[in-house]
N, C-alpha and C. Protein backbone atom coordinates (compact mmCIF):
# COMPACT_ATOMS: atom_id res chain seq x y z
N MET A 1 5.06 3.52 -92.90
CA MET A 1 5.65 2.39 -92.19
C MET A 1 6.17 1.39 -93.21
N ASP A 2 7.38 0.91 -93.00
CA ASP A 2 7.93 -0.04 -93.94
C ASP A 2 7.46 -1.46 -93.60
N TYR A 3 7.68 -2.35 -94.55
CA TYR A 3 7.18 -3.72 -94.42
C TYR A 3 7.82 -4.46 -93.25
N GLY A 4 9.12 -4.22 -93.00
CA GLY A 4 9.80 -4.88 -91.89
C GLY A 4 9.17 -4.54 -90.55
N ASN A 5 8.86 -3.28 -90.33
CA ASN A 5 8.21 -2.88 -89.07
C ASN A 5 6.81 -3.45 -88.97
N LEU A 6 6.11 -3.56 -90.08
CA LEU A 6 4.79 -4.17 -90.08
C LEU A 6 4.87 -5.63 -89.64
N LEU A 7 5.90 -6.33 -90.11
CA LEU A 7 6.10 -7.72 -89.69
C LEU A 7 6.36 -7.81 -88.20
N LYS A 8 7.16 -6.88 -87.68
CA LYS A 8 7.47 -6.87 -86.25
C LYS A 8 6.22 -6.63 -85.42
N ILE A 9 5.40 -5.68 -85.84
CA ILE A 9 4.16 -5.38 -85.12
C ILE A 9 3.23 -6.58 -85.12
N ASN A 10 3.20 -7.32 -86.23
CA ASN A 10 2.34 -8.50 -86.33
C ASN A 10 2.94 -9.74 -85.67
N GLY A 11 4.12 -9.60 -85.07
CA GLY A 11 4.71 -10.71 -84.33
C GLY A 11 5.58 -11.64 -85.15
N ASN A 12 5.86 -11.28 -86.40
CA ASN A 12 6.72 -12.12 -87.24
C ASN A 12 8.16 -11.62 -87.10
N ILE A 13 8.79 -12.01 -86.01
CA ILE A 13 10.15 -11.54 -85.71
C ILE A 13 11.15 -12.09 -86.72
N ALA A 14 10.97 -13.32 -87.15
CA ALA A 14 11.89 -13.89 -88.14
C ALA A 14 11.82 -13.11 -89.45
N GLY A 15 10.62 -12.74 -89.86
CA GLY A 15 10.46 -11.94 -91.07
C GLY A 15 11.06 -10.55 -90.90
N TYR A 16 10.89 -9.98 -89.72
CA TYR A 16 11.46 -8.66 -89.43
C TYR A 16 12.99 -8.71 -89.51
N GLN A 17 13.59 -9.75 -88.94
CA GLN A 17 15.05 -9.89 -89.00
C GLN A 17 15.51 -10.10 -90.44
N LEU A 18 14.72 -10.81 -91.22
CA LEU A 18 15.05 -11.02 -92.63
C LEU A 18 15.05 -9.70 -93.39
N MET A 19 14.10 -8.84 -93.10
CA MET A 19 14.02 -7.55 -93.78
C MET A 19 15.11 -6.59 -93.33
N ASN A 20 15.81 -6.91 -92.24
CA ASN A 20 16.93 -6.08 -91.80
C ASN A 20 18.26 -6.56 -92.36
N GLN A 21 18.23 -7.60 -93.18
CA GLN A 21 19.44 -8.05 -93.85
C GLN A 21 19.75 -7.10 -95.01
N PRO A 22 20.99 -7.09 -95.51
CA PRO A 22 21.31 -6.24 -96.65
C PRO A 22 20.46 -6.61 -97.87
N ILE A 23 19.80 -5.61 -98.44
CA ILE A 23 18.95 -5.80 -99.61
C ILE A 23 19.42 -4.82 -100.68
N THR A 24 19.66 -5.34 -101.88
CA THR A 24 20.08 -4.49 -102.99
C THR A 24 19.11 -4.68 -104.16
N MET A 25 19.02 -3.65 -105.01
CA MET A 25 18.18 -3.74 -106.20
C MET A 25 18.98 -3.22 -107.38
N HIS A 26 19.04 -4.03 -108.43
CA HIS A 26 19.77 -3.65 -109.64
C HIS A 26 19.05 -4.23 -110.84
N ASN A 27 18.62 -3.36 -111.72
CA ASN A 27 17.93 -3.77 -112.96
C ASN A 27 16.74 -4.68 -112.71
N GLY A 28 15.93 -4.35 -111.74
CA GLY A 28 14.73 -5.12 -111.46
C GLY A 28 14.96 -6.40 -110.68
N VAL A 29 16.17 -6.65 -110.24
CA VAL A 29 16.49 -7.84 -109.45
C VAL A 29 16.76 -7.40 -108.02
N ILE A 30 15.96 -7.88 -107.10
CA ILE A 30 16.11 -7.57 -105.69
C ILE A 30 16.86 -8.73 -105.06
N THR A 31 18.00 -8.45 -104.46
CA THR A 31 18.84 -9.48 -103.85
C THR A 31 18.84 -9.28 -102.34
N ILE A 32 18.47 -10.34 -101.63
CA ILE A 32 18.45 -10.31 -100.17
C ILE A 32 19.54 -11.25 -99.67
N ALA A 33 20.43 -10.72 -98.84
CA ALA A 33 21.52 -11.52 -98.29
C ALA A 33 21.02 -12.26 -97.05
N LEU A 34 21.12 -13.57 -97.08
CA LEU A 34 20.69 -14.41 -95.95
C LEU A 34 21.91 -14.88 -95.18
N ILE A 35 21.74 -15.04 -93.87
CA ILE A 35 22.86 -15.51 -93.06
C ILE A 35 22.75 -16.99 -92.71
N ASN A 36 21.57 -17.59 -92.95
CA ASN A 36 21.45 -19.03 -92.76
C ASN A 36 20.33 -19.56 -93.66
N PRO A 37 20.38 -20.84 -94.01
CA PRO A 37 19.40 -21.40 -94.94
C PRO A 37 17.96 -21.36 -94.43
N ILE A 38 17.76 -21.30 -93.15
CA ILE A 38 16.40 -21.27 -92.59
C ILE A 38 15.68 -20.00 -93.02
N GLN A 39 16.43 -18.93 -93.24
CA GLN A 39 15.81 -17.68 -93.67
C GLN A 39 15.16 -17.81 -95.04
N GLU A 40 15.60 -18.75 -95.85
CA GLU A 40 14.96 -19.01 -97.15
C GLU A 40 13.51 -19.43 -96.95
N ASP A 41 13.26 -20.29 -95.95
CA ASP A 41 11.89 -20.71 -95.65
C ASP A 41 11.05 -19.52 -95.17
N THR A 42 11.65 -18.66 -94.36
CA THR A 42 10.95 -17.47 -93.88
C THR A 42 10.59 -16.57 -95.06
N LEU A 43 11.52 -16.41 -95.99
CA LEU A 43 11.25 -15.58 -97.17
C LEU A 43 10.11 -16.17 -97.99
N GLN A 44 10.10 -17.49 -98.14
CA GLN A 44 9.02 -18.12 -98.90
C GLN A 44 7.66 -17.88 -98.25
N SER A 45 7.63 -17.85 -96.92
CA SER A 45 6.36 -17.66 -96.23
C SER A 45 5.83 -16.23 -96.34
N ILE A 46 6.72 -15.25 -96.56
CA ILE A 46 6.26 -13.86 -96.66
C ILE A 46 6.39 -13.31 -98.07
N ARG A 47 6.75 -14.14 -99.02
CA ARG A 47 7.04 -13.68 -100.39
C ARG A 47 5.87 -12.93 -101.02
N GLU A 48 4.67 -13.46 -100.94
CA GLU A 48 3.52 -12.81 -101.59
C GLU A 48 3.26 -11.43 -100.99
N ASP A 49 3.26 -11.33 -99.67
CA ASP A 49 3.05 -10.03 -99.03
C ASP A 49 4.19 -9.07 -99.32
N LEU A 50 5.40 -9.60 -99.41
CA LEU A 50 6.56 -8.78 -99.73
C LEU A 50 6.43 -8.19 -101.14
N ILE A 51 6.01 -9.01 -102.07
CA ILE A 51 5.84 -8.53 -103.45
C ILE A 51 4.79 -7.42 -103.51
N ILE A 52 3.70 -7.60 -102.78
CA ILE A 52 2.66 -6.56 -102.74
C ILE A 52 3.23 -5.26 -102.16
N ALA A 53 3.99 -5.38 -101.07
CA ALA A 53 4.59 -4.20 -100.44
C ALA A 53 5.59 -3.53 -101.38
N LEU A 54 6.37 -4.33 -102.11
CA LEU A 54 7.35 -3.77 -103.04
C LEU A 54 6.66 -3.06 -104.21
N ARG A 55 5.56 -3.62 -104.68
CA ARG A 55 4.82 -2.96 -105.77
C ARG A 55 4.28 -1.61 -105.32
N LYS A 56 3.82 -1.55 -104.08
CA LYS A 56 3.36 -0.25 -103.54
C LYS A 56 4.54 0.71 -103.41
N GLU A 57 5.66 0.20 -102.93
CA GLU A 57 6.85 1.04 -102.72
C GLU A 57 7.38 1.60 -104.03
N PHE A 58 7.39 0.76 -105.08
CA PHE A 58 7.95 1.16 -106.36
C PHE A 58 6.88 1.50 -107.38
N ASN A 59 5.74 1.99 -106.90
CA ASN A 59 4.66 2.48 -107.77
C ASN A 59 4.19 1.45 -108.80
N ASP A 60 3.70 0.35 -108.30
CA ASP A 60 3.13 -0.71 -109.14
C ASP A 60 4.08 -1.27 -110.18
N ALA A 61 5.33 -1.40 -109.83
CA ALA A 61 6.29 -2.01 -110.75
C ALA A 61 5.90 -3.47 -110.94
N ASP A 62 5.71 -3.85 -112.20
CA ASP A 62 5.22 -5.20 -112.48
C ASP A 62 6.34 -6.23 -112.58
N HIS A 63 7.47 -5.79 -113.06
CA HIS A 63 8.51 -6.78 -113.35
C HIS A 63 9.72 -6.60 -112.45
N PHE A 64 9.85 -7.49 -111.50
CA PHE A 64 11.07 -7.59 -110.70
C PHE A 64 11.13 -9.01 -110.16
N THR A 65 12.32 -9.43 -109.83
CA THR A 65 12.51 -10.76 -109.28
C THR A 65 13.24 -10.64 -107.95
N ILE A 66 13.04 -11.63 -107.11
CA ILE A 66 13.68 -11.66 -105.80
C ILE A 66 14.66 -12.82 -105.79
N GLN A 67 15.92 -12.49 -105.52
CA GLN A 67 16.97 -13.49 -105.39
C GLN A 67 17.51 -13.48 -103.97
N THR A 68 18.13 -14.57 -103.61
CA THR A 68 18.79 -14.62 -102.30
C THR A 68 20.24 -15.06 -102.49
N THR A 69 21.08 -14.58 -101.61
CA THR A 69 22.46 -15.04 -101.55
C THR A 69 22.74 -15.43 -100.11
N LEU A 70 23.41 -16.53 -99.94
CA LEU A 70 23.76 -17.00 -98.60
C LEU A 70 25.16 -16.50 -98.27
N THR A 71 25.26 -15.67 -97.25
CA THR A 71 26.55 -15.13 -96.84
C THR A 71 26.99 -15.82 -95.56
N GLU A 72 28.28 -16.02 -95.45
CA GLU A 72 28.80 -16.67 -94.26
C GLU A 72 29.09 -15.62 -93.20
N GLN A 73 28.73 -15.94 -91.99
CA GLN A 73 29.06 -15.07 -90.87
C GLN A 73 30.42 -15.45 -90.37
N SER A 74 31.15 -14.45 -89.92
CA SER A 74 32.45 -14.76 -89.32
C SER A 74 32.18 -15.38 -87.96
N SER A 75 32.72 -16.54 -87.77
CA SER A 75 32.47 -17.24 -86.52
C SER A 75 33.74 -17.22 -85.68
N ASP A 76 33.85 -16.22 -84.86
CA ASP A 76 34.98 -16.15 -83.94
C ASP A 76 34.72 -17.12 -82.80
N LYS A 77 35.67 -18.00 -82.58
CA LYS A 77 35.50 -18.98 -81.52
C LYS A 77 35.67 -18.29 -80.18
N LYS A 78 34.63 -18.38 -79.37
CA LYS A 78 34.68 -17.76 -78.05
C LYS A 78 35.34 -18.71 -77.06
N PRO A 79 36.19 -18.16 -76.20
CA PRO A 79 36.82 -19.01 -75.19
C PRO A 79 35.81 -19.37 -74.09
N TYR A 80 35.73 -20.65 -73.75
CA TYR A 80 34.79 -21.11 -72.73
C TYR A 80 35.50 -21.60 -71.47
N THR A 81 36.51 -22.42 -71.65
CA THR A 81 37.19 -22.96 -70.47
C THR A 81 38.17 -21.92 -69.92
N ASP A 82 38.61 -22.14 -68.71
CA ASP A 82 39.55 -21.22 -68.09
C ASP A 82 40.87 -21.16 -68.88
N GLN A 83 41.31 -22.30 -69.37
CA GLN A 83 42.55 -22.34 -70.16
C GLN A 83 42.38 -21.55 -71.46
N GLU A 84 41.24 -21.72 -72.12
CA GLU A 84 40.99 -20.97 -73.36
C GLU A 84 40.92 -19.47 -73.09
N LYS A 85 40.32 -19.09 -71.97
CA LYS A 85 40.23 -17.67 -71.62
C LYS A 85 41.62 -17.10 -71.36
N LEU A 86 42.45 -17.85 -70.65
CA LEU A 86 43.80 -17.40 -70.37
C LEU A 86 44.61 -17.27 -71.66
N ASN A 87 44.48 -18.25 -72.54
CA ASN A 87 45.19 -18.19 -73.82
C ASN A 87 44.73 -16.99 -74.64
N HIS A 88 43.45 -16.74 -74.64
CA HIS A 88 42.90 -15.60 -75.38
C HIS A 88 43.43 -14.28 -74.83
N LEU A 89 43.43 -14.14 -73.51
CA LEU A 89 43.96 -12.92 -72.90
C LEU A 89 45.45 -12.76 -73.15
N SER A 90 46.18 -13.88 -73.13
CA SER A 90 47.61 -13.84 -73.38
C SER A 90 47.91 -13.40 -74.82
N GLU A 91 47.06 -13.81 -75.76
CA GLU A 91 47.23 -13.39 -77.15
C GLU A 91 46.98 -11.90 -77.31
N LYS A 92 46.00 -11.39 -76.56
CA LYS A 92 45.66 -9.98 -76.66
C LYS A 92 46.70 -9.10 -75.96
N ASN A 93 47.26 -9.61 -74.85
CA ASN A 93 48.18 -8.82 -74.06
C ASN A 93 49.29 -9.74 -73.54
N SER A 94 50.48 -9.56 -74.03
CA SER A 94 51.59 -10.44 -73.65
C SER A 94 51.97 -10.29 -72.18
N ALA A 95 51.57 -9.20 -71.55
CA ALA A 95 51.88 -8.99 -70.14
C ALA A 95 51.16 -10.02 -69.27
N VAL A 96 50.04 -10.53 -69.72
CA VAL A 96 49.30 -11.55 -68.95
C VAL A 96 50.13 -12.82 -68.85
N ALA A 97 50.71 -13.24 -69.96
CA ALA A 97 51.56 -14.44 -69.95
C ALA A 97 52.79 -14.22 -69.09
N LEU A 98 53.38 -13.05 -69.18
CA LEU A 98 54.56 -12.74 -68.37
C LEU A 98 54.22 -12.75 -66.88
N LEU A 99 53.09 -12.17 -66.53
CA LEU A 99 52.64 -12.14 -65.14
C LEU A 99 52.39 -13.56 -64.63
N ARG A 100 51.77 -14.38 -65.45
CA ARG A 100 51.50 -15.77 -65.06
C ARG A 100 52.80 -16.53 -64.80
N GLU A 101 53.79 -16.31 -65.63
CA GLU A 101 55.08 -16.98 -65.47
C GLU A 101 55.81 -16.50 -64.21
N ARG A 102 55.83 -15.21 -63.99
CA ARG A 102 56.56 -14.65 -62.84
C ARG A 102 55.94 -15.05 -61.51
N LEU A 103 54.62 -15.13 -61.47
CA LEU A 103 53.93 -15.49 -60.22
C LEU A 103 53.69 -16.99 -60.10
N LEU A 104 54.16 -17.75 -61.11
CA LEU A 104 54.01 -19.21 -61.11
C LEU A 104 52.55 -19.63 -60.94
N LEU A 105 51.67 -18.98 -61.70
CA LEU A 105 50.24 -19.28 -61.62
C LEU A 105 49.87 -20.38 -62.61
N GLU A 106 48.92 -21.19 -62.23
CA GLU A 106 48.40 -22.25 -63.09
C GLU A 106 46.89 -22.14 -63.13
N VAL A 107 46.30 -22.69 -64.15
CA VAL A 107 44.85 -22.69 -64.26
C VAL A 107 44.29 -23.79 -63.36
N ALA A 108 43.35 -23.44 -62.50
CA ALA A 108 42.74 -24.43 -61.61
C ALA A 108 41.68 -25.20 -62.39
N TYR A 109 41.67 -26.52 -62.20
CA TYR A 109 40.70 -27.35 -62.91
C TYR A 109 39.60 -27.75 -62.01
C-alpha cells in the first residue's frame, strides 16, 4: 500500500490529494507540484511521516530533500448568467447566434 492510500484510509483527504499531485525525483531531490499555497501547510503536517515512508520505499535512502513548486491552474471562466451562457454557446457554434438573430430572440432578465 502506498503512502497516499494510507492517508486516505486514515481520513487525511488533504494529504491524499497532495500525494496525487505530480511528484518527480532527480538526483535525490523530490519535487512535489502544488496547486495552491495551502497545500504547503498540508505537506508540513505530513512531512515526517512522508520521509519515513520514502526511506522505506527507497531502501533506507538517507539523503534526499523535498521541494515544492507552485503551479498555476488554468482558470476557465464559467458562464453563470444567461447572457454569458448565450455568448459562450455563440462562440462555440456560430449557428446559435444566427438562430437568435433570425428568430429575434432576446435574453430574459
